[in-house]
Amino acid sequence: MDSGAYTAILAGDYPRRADDGTASIRDEVGDAARHYRRAFEESQDPLVSLIRDLGGTVAGARDWVTSRLAGNSGTDHGTNSGGNPE
């Protein structure tokens, strides 16, 4: 989906730091990061979807390992009420 912003940039229609004394590189980097994060989250590309799914799986595994190492049993995954594997 093209909002027209990319076409405007290609045409040379964009703000220039030399024309704006209050321009902040930090703010611009933050804006760019937010834009790319939003584009990644909204992408319908199958490869991007796979990467998002893998990221969720890795985060879930990390949380599970962290809770086990911290001594929190959390939910019983694959154990019966006695703590033995089913």
PDB file of N, CA and C in Angstrom:
ATOM      1  N   MET A   1       0.856  -1.165   0.000  1.00  0.00           N
ATOM      2  CA  MET A   1       0.000   0.000   0.000  1.00  0.00           C
ATOM      3  C   MET A   1       0.905   1.232   0.000  1.00  0.00           C
ATOM      4  N   ASP A   2       0.726   2.095  -0.994  1.00  0.00           N
ATOM      5  CA  ASP A   2       1.541   3.299  -1.118  1.00  0.00           C
ATOM      6  C   ASP A   2       0.719   4.507  -0.694  1.00  0.00           C
ATOM      7  N   SER A   3       1.193   5.183   0.333  1.00  0.00           N
ATOM      8  CA  SER A   3       0.490   6.373   0.806  1.00  0.00           C
ATOM      9  C   SER A   3       0.858   7.605  -0.012  1.00  0.00           C
ATOM     10  N   GLY A   4       1.784   7.438  -0.951  1.00  0.00           N
ATOM     11  CA  GLY A   4       2.244   8.566  -1.750  1.00  0.00           C
ATOM     12  C   GLY A   4       3.519   9.176  -1.207  1.00  0.00           C
ATOM     13  N   ALA A   5       3.891   8.823   0.006  1.00  0.00           N
ATOM     14  CA  ALA A   5       5.094   9.394   0.623  1.00  0.00           C
ATOM     15  C   ALA A   5       6.354   8.997  -0.137  1.00  0.00           C
ATOM     16  N   TYR A   6       6.412   7.743  -0.556  1.00  0.00           N
ATOM     17  CA  TYR A   6       7.598   7.262  -1.272  1.00  0.00           C
ATOM     18  C   TYR A   6       7.746   7.977  -2.606  1.00  0.00           C
ATOM     19  N   THR A   7       6.636   8.139  -3.312  1.00  0.00           N
ATOM     20  CA  THR A   7       6.660   8.835  -4.603  1.00  0.00           C
ATOM     21  C   THR A   7       7.107  10.277  -4.413  1.00  0.00           C
ATOM     22  N   ALA A   8       6.630  10.921  -3.348  1.00  0.00           N
ATOM     23  CA  ALA A   8       7.030  12.304  -3.070  1.00  0.00           C
ATOM     24  C   ALA A   8       8.531  12.398  -2.798  1.00  0.00           C
ATOM     25  N   ILE A   9       9.055  11.445  -2.061  1.00  0.00           N
ATOM     26  CA  ILE A   9      10.490  11.445  -1.763  1.00  0.00           C
ATOM     27  C   ILE A   9      11.300  11.271  -3.045  1.00  0.00           C
ATOM     28  N   LEU A  10      10.850  10.332  -3.897  1.00  0.00           N
ATOM     29  CA  LEU A  10      11.544  10.124  -5.171  1.00  0.00           C
ATOM     30  C   LEU A  10      11.529  11.388  -6.026  1.00  0.00           C
ATOM     31  N   ALA A  11      10.464  12.173  -5.900  1.00  0.00           N
ATOM     32  CA  ALA A  11      10.349  13.414  -6.663  1.00  0.00           C
ATOM     33  C   ALA A  11      11.151  14.549  -6.020  1.00  0.00           C
ATOM     34  N   GLY A  12      11.770  14.294  -4.874  1.00  0.00           N
ATOM     35  CA  GLY A  12      12.575  15.321  -4.214  1.00  0.00           C
ATOM     36  C   GLY A  12      11.795  16.193  -3.257  1.00  0.00           C
ATOM     37  N   ASP A  13      10.572  15.810  -2.957  1.00  0.00           N
ATOM     38  CA  ASP A  13       9.717  16.589  -2.066  1.00  0.00           C
ATOM     39  C   ASP A  13       9.800  16.030  -0.649  1.00  0.00           C
ATOM     40  N   TYR A  14      10.768  16.497   0.084  1.00  0.00           N
ATOM     41  CA  TYR A  14      10.946  16.086   1.476  1.00  0.00           C
ATOM     42  C   TYR A  14      11.690  17.192   2.219  1.00  0.00           C
ATOM     43  N   PRO A  15      11.506  17.270   3.539  1.00  0.00           N
ATOM     44  CA  PRO A  15      12.187  18.323   4.313  1.00  0.00           C
ATOM     45  C   PRO A  15      13.694  18.082   4.354  1.00  0.00           C
ATOM     46  N   ARG A  16      14.411  19.161   4.360  1.00  0.00           N
ATOM     47  CA  ARG A  16      15.873  19.082   4.430  1.00  0.00           C
ATOM     48  C   ARG A  16      16.341  19.715   5.737  1.00  0.00           C
ATOM     49  N   ARG A  17      17.293  19.072   6.375  1.00  0.00           N
ATOM     50  CA  ARG A  17      17.783  19.570   7.663  1.00  0.00           C
ATOM     51  C   ARG A  17      18.325  20.992   7.559  1.00  0.00           C
ATOM     52  N   ALA A  18      18.914  21.317   6.434  1.00  0.00           N
ATOM     53  CA  ALA A  18      19.467  22.663   6.256  1.00  0.00           C
ATOM     54  C   ALA A  18      18.374  23.729   6.333  1.00  0.00           C
ATOM     55  N   ASP A  19      17.138  23.352   6.014  1.00  0.00           N
ATOM     56  CA  ASP A  19      16.020  24.297   6.041  1.00  0.00           C
ATOM     57  C   ASP A  19      15.302  24.320   7.379  1.00  0.00           C
ATOM     58  N   ASP A  20      15.665  23.437   8.302  1.00  0.00           N
ATOM     59  CA  ASP A  20      14.978  23.336   9.589  1.00  0.00           C
ATOM     60  C   ASP A  20      16.009  23.289  10.707  1.00  0.00           C
ATOM     61  N   GLY A  21      16.160  24.395  11.388  1.00  0.00           N
ATOM     62  CA  GLY A  21      17.144  24.489  12.473  1.00  0.00           C
ATOM     63  C   GLY A  21      16.779  23.642  13.683  1.00  0.00           C
ATOM     64  N   THR A  22      15.532  23.182  13.769  1.00  0.00           N
ATOM     65  CA  THR A  22      15.113  22.379  14.923  1.00  0.00           C
ATOM     66  C   THR A  22      15.102  20.884  14.614  1.00  0.00           C
ATOM     67  N   ALA A  23      15.529  20.514  13.413  1.00  0.00           N
ATOM     68  CA  ALA A  23      15.523  19.096  13.034  1.00  0.00           C
ATOM     69  C   ALA A  23      16.444  18.301  13.952  1.00  0.00           C
ATOM     70  N   SER A  24      15.978  17.132  14.353  1.00  0.00           N
ATOM     71  CA  SER A  24      16.734  16.266  15.258  1.00  0.00           C
ATOM     72  C   SER A  24      16.952  14.908  14.597  1.00  0.00           C
ATOM     73  N   ILE A  25      18.195  14.521  14.465  1.00  0.00           N
ATOM     74  CA  ILE A  25      18.499  13.212  13.891  1.00  0.00           C
ATOM     75  C   ILE A  25      17.907  12.119  14.766  1.00  0.00           C
ATOM     76  N   ARG A  26      17.991  12.295  16.075  1.00  0.00           N
ATOM     77  CA  ARG A  26      17.431  11.304  17.003  1.00  0.00           C
ATOM     78  C   ARG A  26      15.935  11.108  16.752  1.00  0.00           C
ATOM     79  N   ASP A  27      15.199  12.210  16.593  1.00  0.00           N
ATOM     80  CA  ASP A  27      13.761  12.116  16.321  1.00  0.00           C
ATOM     81  C   ASP A  27      13.504  11.423  14.985  1.00  0.00           C
ATOM     82  N   GLU A  28      14.315  11.745  13.993  1.00  0.00           N
ATOM     83  CA  GLU A  28      14.130  11.148  12.669  1.00  0.00           C
ATOM     84  C   GLU A  28      14.423   9.650  12.691  1.00  0.00           C
ATOM     85  N   VAL A  29      15.430   9.242  13.442  1.00  0.00           N
ATOM     86  CA  VAL A  29      15.737   7.815  13.562  1.00  0.00           C
ATOM     87  C   VAL A  29      14.590   7.103  14.275  1.00  0.00           C
ATOM     88  N   GLY A  30      14.055   7.722  15.324  1.00  0.00           N
ATOM     89  CA  GLY A  30      12.911   7.144  16.035  1.00  0.00           C
ATOM     90  C   GLY A  30      11.697   7.016  15.136  1.00  0.00           C
ATOM     91  N   ASP A  31      11.434   8.060  14.327  1.00  0.00           N
ATOM     92  CA  ASP A  31      10.310   8.004  13.382  1.00  0.00           C
ATOM     93  C   ASP A  31      10.509   6.882  12.372  1.00  0.00           C
ATOM     94  N   ALA A  32      11.729   6.751  11.868  1.00  0.00           N
ATOM     95  CA  ALA A  32      12.025   5.694  10.892  1.00  0.00           C
ATOM     96  C   ALA A  32      11.832   4.316  11.524  1.00  0.00           C
ATOM     97  N   ALA A  33      12.308   4.135  12.755  1.00  0.00           N
ATOM     98  CA  ALA A  33      12.167   2.844  13.438  1.00  0.00           C
ATOM     99  C   ALA A  33      10.696   2.500  13.631  1.00  0.00           C
ATOM    100  N   ARG A  34       9.894   3.478  14.035  1.00  0.00           N
ATOM    101  CA  ARG A  34       8.453   3.237  14.201  1.00  0.00           C
ATOM    102  C   ARG A  34       7.804   2.867  12.873  1.00  0.00           C
ATOM    103  N   HIS A  35       8.194   3.563  11.814  1.00  0.00           N
ATOM    104  CA  HIS A  35       7.643   3.269  10.490  1.00  0.00           C
ATOM    105  C   HIS A  35       7.962   1.839  10.068  1.00  0.00           C
ATOM    106  N   TYR A  36       9.228   1.440  10.198  1.00  0.00           N
ATOM    107  CA  TYR A  36       9.616   0.094   9.777  1.00  0.00           C
ATOM    108  C   TYR A  36       8.999  -0.978  10.665  1.00  0.00           C
ATOM    109  N   ARG A  37       8.859  -0.717  11.968  1.00  0.00           N
ATOM    110  CA  ARG A  37       8.206  -1.676  12.857  1.00  0.00           C
ATOM    111  C   ARG A  37       6.747  -1.865  12.443  1.00  0.00           C
ATOM    112  N   ARG A  38       6.060  -0.757  12.181  1.00  0.00           N
ATOM    113  CA  ARG A  38       4.659  -0.829  11.761  1.00  0.00           C
ATOM    114  C   ARG A  38       4.544  -1.562  10.417  1.00  0.00           C
ATOM    115  N   ALA A  39       5.416  -1.263   9.475  1.00  0.00           N
ATOM    116  CA  ALA A  39       5.392  -1.936   8.177  1.00  0.00           C
ATOM    117  C   ALA A  39       5.634  -3.436   8.345  1.00  0.00           C
ATOM    118  N   PHE A  40       6.551  -3.815   9.224  1.00  0.00           N
ATOM    119  CA  PHE A  40       6.846  -5.220   9.483  1.00  0.00           C
ATOM    120  C   PHE A  40       5.638  -5.915  10.094  1.00  0.00           C
ATOM    121  N   GLU A  41       4.990  -5.249  11.070  1.00  0.00           N
ATOM    122  CA  GLU A  41       3.836  -5.834  11.745  1.00  0.00           C
ATOM    123  C   GLU A  41       2.638  -5.990  10.804  1.00  0.00           C
ATOM    124  N   GLU A  42       2.506  -5.094   9.829  1.00  0.00           N
ATOM    125  CA  GLU A  42       1.345  -5.106   8.938  1.00  0.00           C
ATOM    126  C   GLU A  42       1.605  -5.841   7.621  1.00  0.00           C
ATOM    127  N   SER A  43       2.826  -6.259   7.394  1.00  0.00           N
ATOM    128  CA  SER A  43       3.179  -6.895   6.127  1.00  0.00           C
ATOM    129  C   SER A  43       2.411  -8.195   5.920  1.00  0.00           C
ATOM    130  N   GLN A  44       1.991  -8.418   4.688  1.00  0.00           N
ATOM    131  CA  GLN A  44       1.311  -9.652   4.311  1.00  0.00           C
ATOM    132  C   GLN A  44       2.274 -10.622   3.626  1.00  0.00           C
ATOM    133  N   ASP A  45       3.540 -10.238   3.521  1.00  0.00           N
ATOM    134  CA  ASP A  45       4.541 -11.078   2.862  1.00  0.00           C
ATOM    135  C   ASP A  45       4.701 -12.388   3.632  1.00  0.00           C
ATOM    136  N   PRO A  46       4.659 -13.540   2.958  1.00  0.00           N
ATOM    137  CA  PRO A  46       4.775 -14.830   3.640  1.00  0.00           C
ATOM    138  C   PRO A  46       6.090 -14.989   4.415  1.00  0.00           C
ATOM    139  N   LEU A  47       7.173 -14.469   3.882  1.00  0.00           N
ATOM    140  CA  LEU A  47       8.453 -14.574   4.581  1.00  0.00           C
ATOM    141  C   LEU A  47       8.435 -13.761   5.874  1.00  0.00           C
ATOM    142  N   VAL A  48       7.873 -12.572   5.815  1.00  0.00           N
ATOM    143  CA  VAL A  48       7.777 -11.728   7.013  1.00  0.00           C
ATOM    144  C   VAL A  48       6.872 -12.405   8.042  1.00  0.00           C
ATOM    145  N   SER A  49       5.785 -13.020   7.590  1.00  0.00           N
ATOM    146  CA  SER A  49       4.892 -13.739   8.508  1.00  0.00           C
ATOM    147  C   SER A  49       5.636 -14.881   9.201  1.00  0.00           C
ATOM    148  N   LEU A  50       6.448 -15.608   8.438  1.00  0.00           N
ATOM    149  CA  LEU A  50       7.241 -16.693   9.010  1.00  0.00           C
ATOM    150  C   LEU A  50       8.207 -16.163  10.058  1.00  0.00           C
ATOM    151  N   ILE A  51       8.869 -15.060   9.758  1.00  0.00           N
ATOM    152  CA  ILE A  51       9.830 -14.467  10.707  1.00  0.00           C
ATOM    153  C   ILE A  51       9.109 -14.022  11.979  1.00  0.00           C
ATOM    154  N   ARG A  52       7.928 -13.409  11.823  1.00  0.00           N
ATOM    155  CA  ARG A  52       7.155 -12.999  13.015  1.00  0.00           C
ATOM    156  C   ARG A  52       6.772 -14.209  13.853  1.00  0.00           C
ATOM    157  N   ASP A  53       6.314 -15.279  13.188  1.00  0.00           N
ATOM    158  CA  ASP A  53       5.924 -16.494  13.907  1.00  0.00           C
ATOM    159  C   ASP A  53       7.115 -17.101  14.642  1.00  0.00           C
ATOM    160  N   LEU A  54       8.266 -17.150  13.978  1.00  0.00           N
ATOM    161  CA  LEU A  54       9.470 -17.680  14.627  1.00  0.00           C
ATOM    162  C   LEU A  54       9.872 -16.825  15.822  1.00  0.00           C
ATOM    163  N   GLY A  55       9.743 -15.521  15.679  1.00  0.00           N
ATOM    164  CA  GLY A  55      10.057 -14.624  16.791  1.00  0.00           C
ATOM    165  C   GLY A  55       9.164 -14.882  17.991  1.00  0.00           C
ATOM    166  N   GLY A  56       7.873 -15.118  17.735  1.00  0.00           N
ATOM    167  CA  GLY A  56       6.940 -15.425  18.826  1.00  0.00           C
ATOM    168  C   GLY A  56       7.278 -16.743  19.490  1.00  0.00           C
ATOM    169  N   THR A  57       7.671 -17.725  18.685  1.00  0.00           N
ATOM    170  CA  THR A  57       8.043 -19.034  19.225  1.00  0.00           C
ATOM    171  C   THR A  57       9.291 -18.923  20.097  1.00  0.00           C
ATOM    172  N   VAL A  58      10.278 -18.189  19.610  1.00  0.00           N
ATOM    173  CA  VAL A  58      11.524 -18.002  20.371  1.00  0.00           C
ATOM    174  C   VAL A  58      11.240 -17.253  21.672  1.00  0.00           C
ATOM    175  N   ALA A  59      10.403 -16.222  21.611  1.00  0.00           N
ATOM    176  CA  ALA A  59      10.064 -15.461  22.821  1.00  0.00           C
ATOM    177  C   ALA A  59       9.341 -16.344  23.828  1.00  0.00           C
ATOM    178  N   GLY A  60       8.424 -17.195  23.348  1.00  0.00           N
ATOM    179  CA  GLY A  60       7.712 -18.109  24.240  1.00  0.00           C
ATOM    180  C   GLY A  60       8.658 -19.098  24.899  1.00  0.00           C
ATOM    181  N   ALA A  61       9.596 -19.632  24.122  1.00  0.00           N
ATOM    182  CA  ALA A  61      10.576 -20.576  24.674  1.00  0.00           C
ATOM    183  C   ALA A  61      11.475 -19.870  25.699  1.00  0.00           C
ATOM    184  N   ARG A  62      11.875 -18.636  25.374  1.00  0.00           N
ATOM    185  CA  ARG A  62      12.705 -17.866  26.308  1.00  0.00           C
ATOM    186  C   ARG A  62      11.973 -17.652  27.628  1.00  0.00           C
ATOM    187  N   ASP A  63      10.700 -17.276  27.554  1.00  0.00           N
ATOM    188  CA  ASP A  63       9.920 -17.042  28.767  1.00  0.00           C
ATOM    189  C   ASP A  63       9.775 -18.329  29.576  1.00  0.00           C
ATOM    190  N   TRP A  64       9.548 -19.448  28.887  1.00  0.00           N
ATOM    191  CA  TRP A  64       9.406 -20.724  29.574  1.00  0.00           C
ATOM    192  C   TRP A  64      10.703 -21.095  30.290  1.00  0.00           C
ATOM    193  N   VAL A  65      11.832 -20.973  29.608  1.00  0.00           N
ATOM    194  CA  VAL A  65      13.131 -21.303  30.215  1.00  0.00           C
ATOM    195  C   VAL A  65      13.411 -20.367  31.383  1.00  0.00           C
ATOM    196  N   THR A  66      13.138 -19.091  31.208  1.00  0.00           N
ATOM    197  CA  THR A  66      13.377 -18.119  32.280  1.00  0.00           C
ATOM    198  C   THR A  66      12.545 -18.455  33.511  1.00  0.00           C
ATOM    199  N   SER A  67      11.280 -18.819  33.303  1.00  0.00           N
ATOM    200  CA  SER A  67      10.428 -19.145  34.449  1.00  0.00           C
ATOM    201  C   SER A  67      10.915 -20.414  35.140  1.00  0.00           C
ATOM    202  N   ARG A  68      11.403 -21.385  34.377  1.00  0.00           N
ATOM    203  CA  ARG A  68      11.927 -22.622  34.977  1.00  0.00           C
ATOM    204  C   ARG A  68      13.190 -22.344  35.779  1.00  0.00           C
ATOM    205  N   LEU A  69      14.061 -21.521  35.229  1.00  0.00           N
ATOM    206  CA  LEU A  69      15.306 -21.207  35.938  1.00  0.00           C
ATOM    207  C   LEU A  69      15.048 -20.390  37.199  1.00  0.00           C
ATOM    208  N   ALA A  70      13.983 -19.604  37.177  1.00  0.00           N
ATOM    209  CA  ALA A  70      13.640 -18.782  38.338  1.00  0.00           C
ATOM    210  C   ALA A  70      12.892 -19.595  39.386  1.00  0.00           C
ATOM    211  N   GLY A  71      12.541 -20.846  39.050  1.00  0.00           N
ATOM    212  CA  GLY A  71      11.857 -21.706  40.013  1.00  0.00           C
ATOM    213  C   GLY A  71      10.354 -21.562  39.984  1.00  0.00           C
ATOM    214  N   ASN A  72       9.827 -20.834  39.022  1.00  0.00           N
ATOM    215  CA  ASN A  72       8.380 -20.699  38.879  1.00  0.00           C
ATOM    216  C   ASN A  72       7.879 -21.852  38.035  1.00  0.00           C
ATOM    217  N   SER A  73       6.922 -22.580  38.555  1.00  0.00           N
ATOM    218  CA  SER A  73       6.420 -23.705  37.789  1.00  0.00           C
ATOM    219  C   SER A  73       5.458 -23.262  36.707  1.00  0.00           C
ATOM    220  N   GLY A  74       4.816 -22.103  36.864  1.00  0.00           N
ATOM    221  CA  GLY A  74       3.875 -21.635  35.855  1.00  0.00           C
ATOM    222  C   GLY A  74       2.790 -22.666  35.644  1.00  0.00           C
ATOM    223  N   THR A  75       2.467 -22.958  34.423  1.00  0.00           N
ATOM    224  CA  THR A  75       1.476 -23.984  34.136  1.00  0.00           C
ATOM    225  C   THR A  75       2.190 -25.297  33.949  1.00  0.00           C
ATOM    226  N   ASP A  76       1.499 -26.385  34.255  1.00  0.00           N
ATOM    227  CA  ASP A  76       2.084 -27.711  34.103  1.00  0.00           C
ATOM    228  C   ASP A  76       1.971 -28.140  32.658  1.00  0.00           C
ATOM    229  N   HIS A  77       3.060 -28.072  31.937  1.00  0.00           N
ATOM    230  CA  HIS A  77       3.095 -28.509  30.549  1.00  0.00           C
ATOM    231  C   HIS A  77       3.609 -29.939  30.526  1.00  0.00           C
ATOM    232  N   GLY A  78       2.697 -30.881  30.245  1.00  0.00           N
ATOM    233  CA  GLY A  78       3.122 -32.259  30.098  1.00  0.00           C
ATOM    234  C   GLY A  78       3.369 -32.996  31.395  1.00  0.00           C
ATOM    235  N   THR A  79       2.832 -32.485  32.515  1.00  0.00           N
ATOM    236  CA  THR A  79       2.977 -33.210  33.784  1.00  0.00           C
ATOM    237  C   THR A  79       1.603 -33.430  34.370  1.00  0.00           C
ATOM    238  N   ASN A  80       1.487 -34.471  35.208  1.00  0.00           N
ATOM    239  CA  ASN A  80       0.220 -34.688  35.897  1.00  0.00           C
ATOM    240  C   ASN A  80       0.260 -33.961  37.229  1.00  0.00           C
ATOM    241  N   SER A  81      -0.775 -34.115  38.035  1.00  0.00           N
ATOM    242  CA  SER A  81      -0.857 -33.360  39.288  1.00  0.00           C
ATOM    243  C   SER A  81       0.272 -33.687  40.245  1.00  0.00           C
ATOM    244  N   GLY A  82       0.943 -34.825  40.095  1.00  0.00           N
ATOM    245  CA  GLY A  82       2.053 -35.184  40.960  1.00  0.00           C
ATOM    246  C   GLY A  82       3.388 -34.668  40.464  1.00  0.00           C
ATOM    247  N   GLY A  83       3.369 -33.951  39.340  1.00  0.00           N
ATOM    248  CA  GLY A  83       4.607 -33.404  38.815  1.00  0.00           C
ATOM    249  C   GLY A  83       5.372 -34.396  37.933  1.00  0.00           C
ATOM    250  N   ASN A  84       4.771 -35.588  37.729  1.00  0.00           N
ATOM    251  CA  ASN A  84       5.422 -36.597  36.892  1.00  0.00           C
ATOM    252  C   ASN A  84       4.969 -36.446  35.451  1.00  0.00           C
ATOM    253  N   PRO A  85       5.843 -36.757  34.522  1.00  0.00           N
ATOM    254  CA  PRO A  85       5.439 -36.677  33.103  1.00  0.00           C
ATOM    255  C   PRO A  85       4.254 -37.580  32.839  1.00  0.00           C
ATOM    256  N   GLU A  86       3.363 -37.110  31.969  1.00  0.00           N
ATOM    257  CA  GLU A  86       2.173 -37.897  31.630  1.00  0.00           C
ATOM    258  C   GLU A  86       2.504 -38.971  30.624  1.00  0.00           C
TER     259      GLU A  86
END
